[in-house]
Amino acid sequence: MAVIEKAVEQNCKNVLCLETDLEYRLGGFDIFQSAEYIAANAPNVARVAIVCNPRYADDLAFWETVAVNRGLMVRAFQNQADALKWINS
């Protein structure tokens, strides 16, 4: 949420989150609630690209689905080059 708040504060429309060193520890319900909360509180952000460690790709894909279904323009990636290509398209 801190990243989204900073983006809104700076009037930044695109966000690239590099989470390759982040260890995902949330369970399914917490992942759902996190995505729901972020989607509800990021109204001014046009695109969010998240790059994760491939070990957590399934968790991030679930998070992405929940967030997209609630209106957030977000995509999950496993490499930074693809994320940047999407953000800049």
N, C-alpha and C. Protein backbone atom coordinates (compact mmCIF):
# COMPACT_ATOMS: atom_id res chain seq x y z
N MET A 1 0.82 -1.19 0.00
CA MET A 1 0.00 0.00 0.00
C MET A 1 0.87 1.26 0.00
N ALA A 2 2.03 1.19 0.63
CA ALA A 2 2.92 2.36 0.66
C ALA A 2 3.35 2.77 -0.74
N VAL A 3 3.56 1.80 -1.61
CA VAL A 3 3.96 2.10 -2.99
C VAL A 3 2.82 2.81 -3.72
N ILE A 4 1.60 2.31 -3.55
CA ILE A 4 0.43 2.93 -4.18
C ILE A 4 0.23 4.35 -3.66
N GLU A 5 0.35 4.54 -2.34
CA GLU A 5 0.18 5.87 -1.75
C GLU A 5 1.21 6.86 -2.32
N LYS A 6 2.44 6.42 -2.46
CA LYS A 6 3.49 7.28 -3.01
C LYS A 6 3.20 7.61 -4.47
N ALA A 7 2.73 6.64 -5.23
CA ALA A 7 2.40 6.87 -6.64
C ALA A 7 1.28 7.91 -6.76
N VAL A 8 0.26 7.78 -5.94
CA VAL A 8 -0.85 8.73 -5.97
C VAL A 8 -0.37 10.12 -5.55
N GLU A 9 0.45 10.17 -4.50
CA GLU A 9 1.01 11.45 -4.02
C GLU A 9 1.83 12.15 -5.11
N GLN A 10 2.58 11.39 -5.88
CA GLN A 10 3.44 11.94 -6.92
C GLN A 10 2.74 12.05 -8.28
N ASN A 11 1.45 11.71 -8.32
CA ASN A 11 0.66 11.72 -9.55
C ASN A 11 1.28 10.83 -10.63
N CYS A 12 1.79 9.70 -10.19
CA CYS A 12 2.41 8.72 -11.07
C CYS A 12 1.33 7.73 -11.51
N LYS A 13 1.20 7.54 -12.80
CA LYS A 13 0.14 6.67 -13.33
C LYS A 13 0.57 5.22 -13.50
N ASN A 14 1.86 4.96 -13.59
CA ASN A 14 2.36 3.60 -13.78
C ASN A 14 3.31 3.23 -12.65
N VAL A 15 3.21 1.98 -12.19
CA VAL A 15 4.03 1.52 -11.08
C VAL A 15 4.67 0.19 -11.46
N LEU A 16 5.96 0.08 -11.20
CA LEU A 16 6.69 -1.17 -11.38
C LEU A 16 7.17 -1.61 -10.01
N CYS A 17 6.67 -2.74 -9.54
CA CYS A 17 7.08 -3.29 -8.24
C CYS A 17 7.97 -4.49 -8.48
N LEU A 18 9.20 -4.40 -8.02
CA LEU A 18 10.13 -5.52 -8.13
C LEU A 18 10.13 -6.27 -6.80
N GLU A 19 9.52 -7.43 -6.81
CA GLU A 19 9.36 -8.22 -5.59
C GLU A 19 10.12 -9.54 -5.67
N THR A 20 11.18 -9.57 -6.45
CA THR A 20 11.90 -10.83 -6.65
C THR A 20 12.60 -11.32 -5.39
N ASP A 21 12.93 -10.43 -4.47
CA ASP A 21 13.57 -10.83 -3.21
C ASP A 21 12.57 -10.95 -2.06
N LEU A 22 11.31 -10.70 -2.36
CA LEU A 22 10.28 -10.75 -1.33
C LEU A 22 9.79 -12.18 -1.14
N GLU A 23 9.68 -12.60 0.09
CA GLU A 23 9.15 -13.93 0.40
C GLU A 23 7.67 -13.79 0.71
N TYR A 24 6.84 -14.45 -0.10
CA TYR A 24 5.39 -14.39 0.12
C TYR A 24 5.02 -15.38 1.22
N ARG A 25 4.34 -14.89 2.23
CA ARG A 25 3.96 -15.73 3.36
C ARG A 25 2.46 -15.71 3.65
N LEU A 26 1.68 -15.06 2.81
CA LEU A 26 0.25 -14.96 3.05
C LEU A 26 -0.46 -16.23 2.59
N GLY A 27 -1.51 -16.57 3.30
CA GLY A 27 -2.38 -17.66 2.88
C GLY A 27 -3.39 -17.16 1.87
N GLY A 28 -4.17 -18.06 1.32
CA GLY A 28 -5.12 -17.73 0.26
C GLY A 28 -6.09 -16.62 0.62
N PHE A 29 -6.71 -16.69 1.80
CA PHE A 29 -7.68 -15.67 2.18
C PHE A 29 -7.02 -14.31 2.36
N ASP A 30 -5.82 -14.30 2.93
CA ASP A 30 -5.09 -13.03 3.11
C ASP A 30 -4.66 -12.44 1.77
N ILE A 31 -4.29 -13.28 0.82
CA ILE A 31 -3.96 -12.81 -0.52
C ILE A 31 -5.19 -12.15 -1.13
N PHE A 32 -6.34 -12.81 -1.00
CA PHE A 32 -7.60 -12.27 -1.51
C PHE A 32 -7.89 -10.90 -0.90
N GLN A 33 -7.80 -10.80 0.41
CA GLN A 33 -8.09 -9.53 1.09
C GLN A 33 -7.10 -8.43 0.70
N SER A 34 -5.85 -8.78 0.54
CA SER A 34 -4.83 -7.81 0.14
C SER A 34 -5.14 -7.24 -1.24
N ALA A 35 -5.45 -8.10 -2.19
CA ALA A 35 -5.77 -7.64 -3.54
C ALA A 35 -7.02 -6.79 -3.55
N GLU A 36 -8.01 -7.20 -2.80
CA GLU A 36 -9.27 -6.45 -2.71
C GLU A 36 -9.01 -5.05 -2.15
N TYR A 37 -8.21 -4.96 -1.11
CA TYR A 37 -7.90 -3.69 -0.47
C TYR A 37 -7.11 -2.76 -1.41
N ILE A 38 -6.09 -3.30 -2.05
CA ILE A 38 -5.28 -2.49 -2.95
C ILE A 38 -6.12 -1.97 -4.11
N ALA A 39 -6.94 -2.84 -4.69
CA ALA A 39 -7.79 -2.42 -5.82
C ALA A 39 -8.75 -1.30 -5.41
N ALA A 40 -9.27 -1.37 -4.20
CA ALA A 40 -10.20 -0.35 -3.72
C ALA A 40 -9.50 0.97 -3.39
N ASN A 41 -8.20 0.92 -3.11
CA ASN A 41 -7.49 2.11 -2.65
C ASN A 41 -6.47 2.65 -3.64
N ALA A 42 -6.53 2.22 -4.87
CA ALA A 42 -5.59 2.71 -5.89
C ALA A 42 -6.34 3.25 -7.10
N PRO A 43 -7.26 4.19 -6.89
CA PRO A 43 -8.11 4.65 -8.00
C PRO A 43 -7.39 5.47 -9.06
N ASN A 44 -6.27 6.09 -8.73
CA ASN A 44 -5.60 6.98 -9.68
C ASN A 44 -4.40 6.36 -10.38
N VAL A 45 -4.18 5.09 -10.15
CA VAL A 45 -3.03 4.43 -10.76
C VAL A 45 -3.53 3.70 -12.01
N ALA A 46 -2.90 4.00 -13.14
CA ALA A 46 -3.36 3.42 -14.41
C ALA A 46 -2.88 1.99 -14.58
N ARG A 47 -1.60 1.72 -14.33
CA ARG A 47 -1.03 0.39 -14.54
C ARG A 47 -0.04 0.05 -13.43
N VAL A 48 -0.14 -1.18 -12.97
CA VAL A 48 0.80 -1.70 -11.98
C VAL A 48 1.37 -3.01 -12.51
N ALA A 49 2.68 -3.08 -12.63
CA ALA A 49 3.36 -4.32 -13.04
C ALA A 49 4.14 -4.82 -11.83
N ILE A 50 3.95 -6.08 -11.50
CA ILE A 50 4.63 -6.68 -10.36
C ILE A 50 5.50 -7.83 -10.87
N VAL A 51 6.77 -7.79 -10.51
CA VAL A 51 7.71 -8.85 -10.88
C VAL A 51 8.02 -9.63 -9.61
N CYS A 52 7.77 -10.93 -9.66
CA CYS A 52 7.98 -11.75 -8.47
C CYS A 52 8.99 -12.86 -8.74
N ASN A 53 9.41 -13.49 -7.67
CA ASN A 53 10.21 -14.70 -7.74
C ASN A 53 9.32 -15.79 -8.34
N PRO A 54 9.80 -16.53 -9.33
CA PRO A 54 8.97 -17.57 -9.96
C PRO A 54 8.36 -18.57 -8.96
N ARG A 55 8.98 -18.74 -7.82
CA ARG A 55 8.47 -19.66 -6.80
C ARG A 55 7.08 -19.22 -6.30
N TYR A 56 6.78 -17.92 -6.42
CA TYR A 56 5.51 -17.39 -5.92
C TYR A 56 4.55 -16.99 -7.04
N ALA A 57 4.81 -17.46 -8.25
CA ALA A 57 4.00 -17.07 -9.41
C ALA A 57 2.52 -17.42 -9.23
N ASP A 58 2.21 -18.57 -8.65
CA ASP A 58 0.81 -18.95 -8.47
C ASP A 58 0.10 -18.01 -7.49
N ASP A 59 0.76 -17.66 -6.40
CA ASP A 59 0.16 -16.73 -5.43
C ASP A 59 -0.08 -15.37 -6.07
N LEU A 60 0.90 -14.90 -6.83
CA LEU A 60 0.75 -13.58 -7.46
C LEU A 60 -0.30 -13.62 -8.56
N ALA A 61 -0.41 -14.73 -9.28
CA ALA A 61 -1.44 -14.85 -10.31
C ALA A 61 -2.83 -14.77 -9.68
N PHE A 62 -3.02 -15.40 -8.53
CA PHE A 62 -4.29 -15.32 -7.81
C PHE A 62 -4.56 -13.88 -7.37
N TRP A 63 -3.54 -13.22 -6.81
CA TRP A 63 -3.67 -11.83 -6.39
C TRP A 63 -4.06 -10.96 -7.57
N GLU A 64 -3.39 -11.18 -8.71
CA GLU A 64 -3.69 -10.41 -9.92
C GLU A 64 -5.14 -10.59 -10.34
N THR A 65 -5.63 -11.81 -10.35
CA THR A 65 -7.01 -12.08 -10.76
C THR A 65 -8.00 -11.34 -9.88
N VAL A 66 -7.79 -11.40 -8.58
CA VAL A 66 -8.70 -10.72 -7.64
C VAL A 66 -8.66 -9.22 -7.88
N ALA A 67 -7.47 -8.64 -8.02
CA ALA A 67 -7.33 -7.20 -8.21
C ALA A 67 -7.93 -6.74 -9.54
N VAL A 68 -7.67 -7.48 -10.61
CA VAL A 68 -8.21 -7.13 -11.93
C VAL A 68 -9.73 -7.21 -11.93
N ASN A 69 -10.27 -8.22 -11.28
CA ASN A 69 -11.73 -8.36 -11.20
C ASN A 69 -12.38 -7.23 -10.42
N ARG A 70 -11.58 -6.46 -9.70
CA ARG A 70 -12.10 -5.32 -8.94
C ARG A 70 -11.67 -3.99 -9.55
N GLY A 71 -11.15 -4.04 -10.78
CA GLY A 71 -10.90 -2.81 -11.52
C GLY A 71 -9.48 -2.29 -11.57
N LEU A 72 -8.54 -2.94 -10.89
CA LEU A 72 -7.16 -2.47 -10.92
C LEU A 72 -6.48 -3.01 -12.17
N MET A 73 -5.77 -2.16 -12.88
CA MET A 73 -5.04 -2.57 -14.07
C MET A 73 -3.66 -3.05 -13.60
N VAL A 74 -3.55 -4.33 -13.35
CA VAL A 74 -2.32 -4.91 -12.82
C VAL A 74 -1.98 -6.18 -13.59
N ARG A 75 -0.67 -6.42 -13.75
CA ARG A 75 -0.20 -7.65 -14.38
C ARG A 75 0.96 -8.19 -13.59
N ALA A 76 1.02 -9.50 -13.49
CA ALA A 76 2.11 -10.20 -12.81
C ALA A 76 3.12 -10.70 -13.84
N PHE A 77 4.39 -10.57 -13.49
CA PHE A 77 5.46 -10.99 -14.38
C PHE A 77 6.53 -11.73 -13.59
N GLN A 78 7.32 -12.53 -14.31
CA GLN A 78 8.44 -13.21 -13.69
C GLN A 78 9.78 -12.64 -14.13
N ASN A 79 9.74 -11.64 -15.03
CA ASN A 79 10.98 -10.95 -15.38
C ASN A 79 10.71 -9.47 -15.63
N GLN A 80 11.71 -8.69 -15.33
CA GLN A 80 11.57 -7.24 -15.39
C GLN A 80 11.40 -6.72 -16.82
N ALA A 81 12.05 -7.33 -17.79
CA ALA A 81 11.97 -6.85 -19.18
C ALA A 81 10.53 -6.90 -19.68
N ASP A 82 9.83 -8.00 -19.42
CA ASP A 82 8.43 -8.11 -19.85
C ASP A 82 7.54 -7.09 -19.12
N ALA A 83 7.83 -6.88 -17.85
CA ALA A 83 7.05 -5.92 -17.06
C ALA A 83 7.22 -4.51 -17.62
N LEU A 84 8.45 -4.13 -17.92
CA LEU A 84 8.70 -2.80 -18.48
C LEU A 84 8.07 -2.63 -19.85
N LYS A 85 8.10 -3.66 -20.65
CA LYS A 85 7.48 -3.60 -21.97
C LYS A 85 5.98 -3.34 -21.84
N TRP A 86 5.33 -4.02 -20.90
CA TRP A 86 3.89 -3.84 -20.69
C TRP A 86 3.59 -2.45 -20.13
N ILE A 87 4.36 -2.03 -19.13
CA ILE A 87 4.15 -0.71 -18.51
C ILE A 87 4.27 0.40 -19.54
N ASN A 88 5.19 0.26 -20.47
CA ASN A 88 5.44 1.31 -21.46
C ASN A 88 4.61 1.19 -22.71
N SER A 89 3.75 0.17 -22.81
CA SER A 89 2.93 0.00 -24.01
C SER A 89 1.70 0.89 -23.98
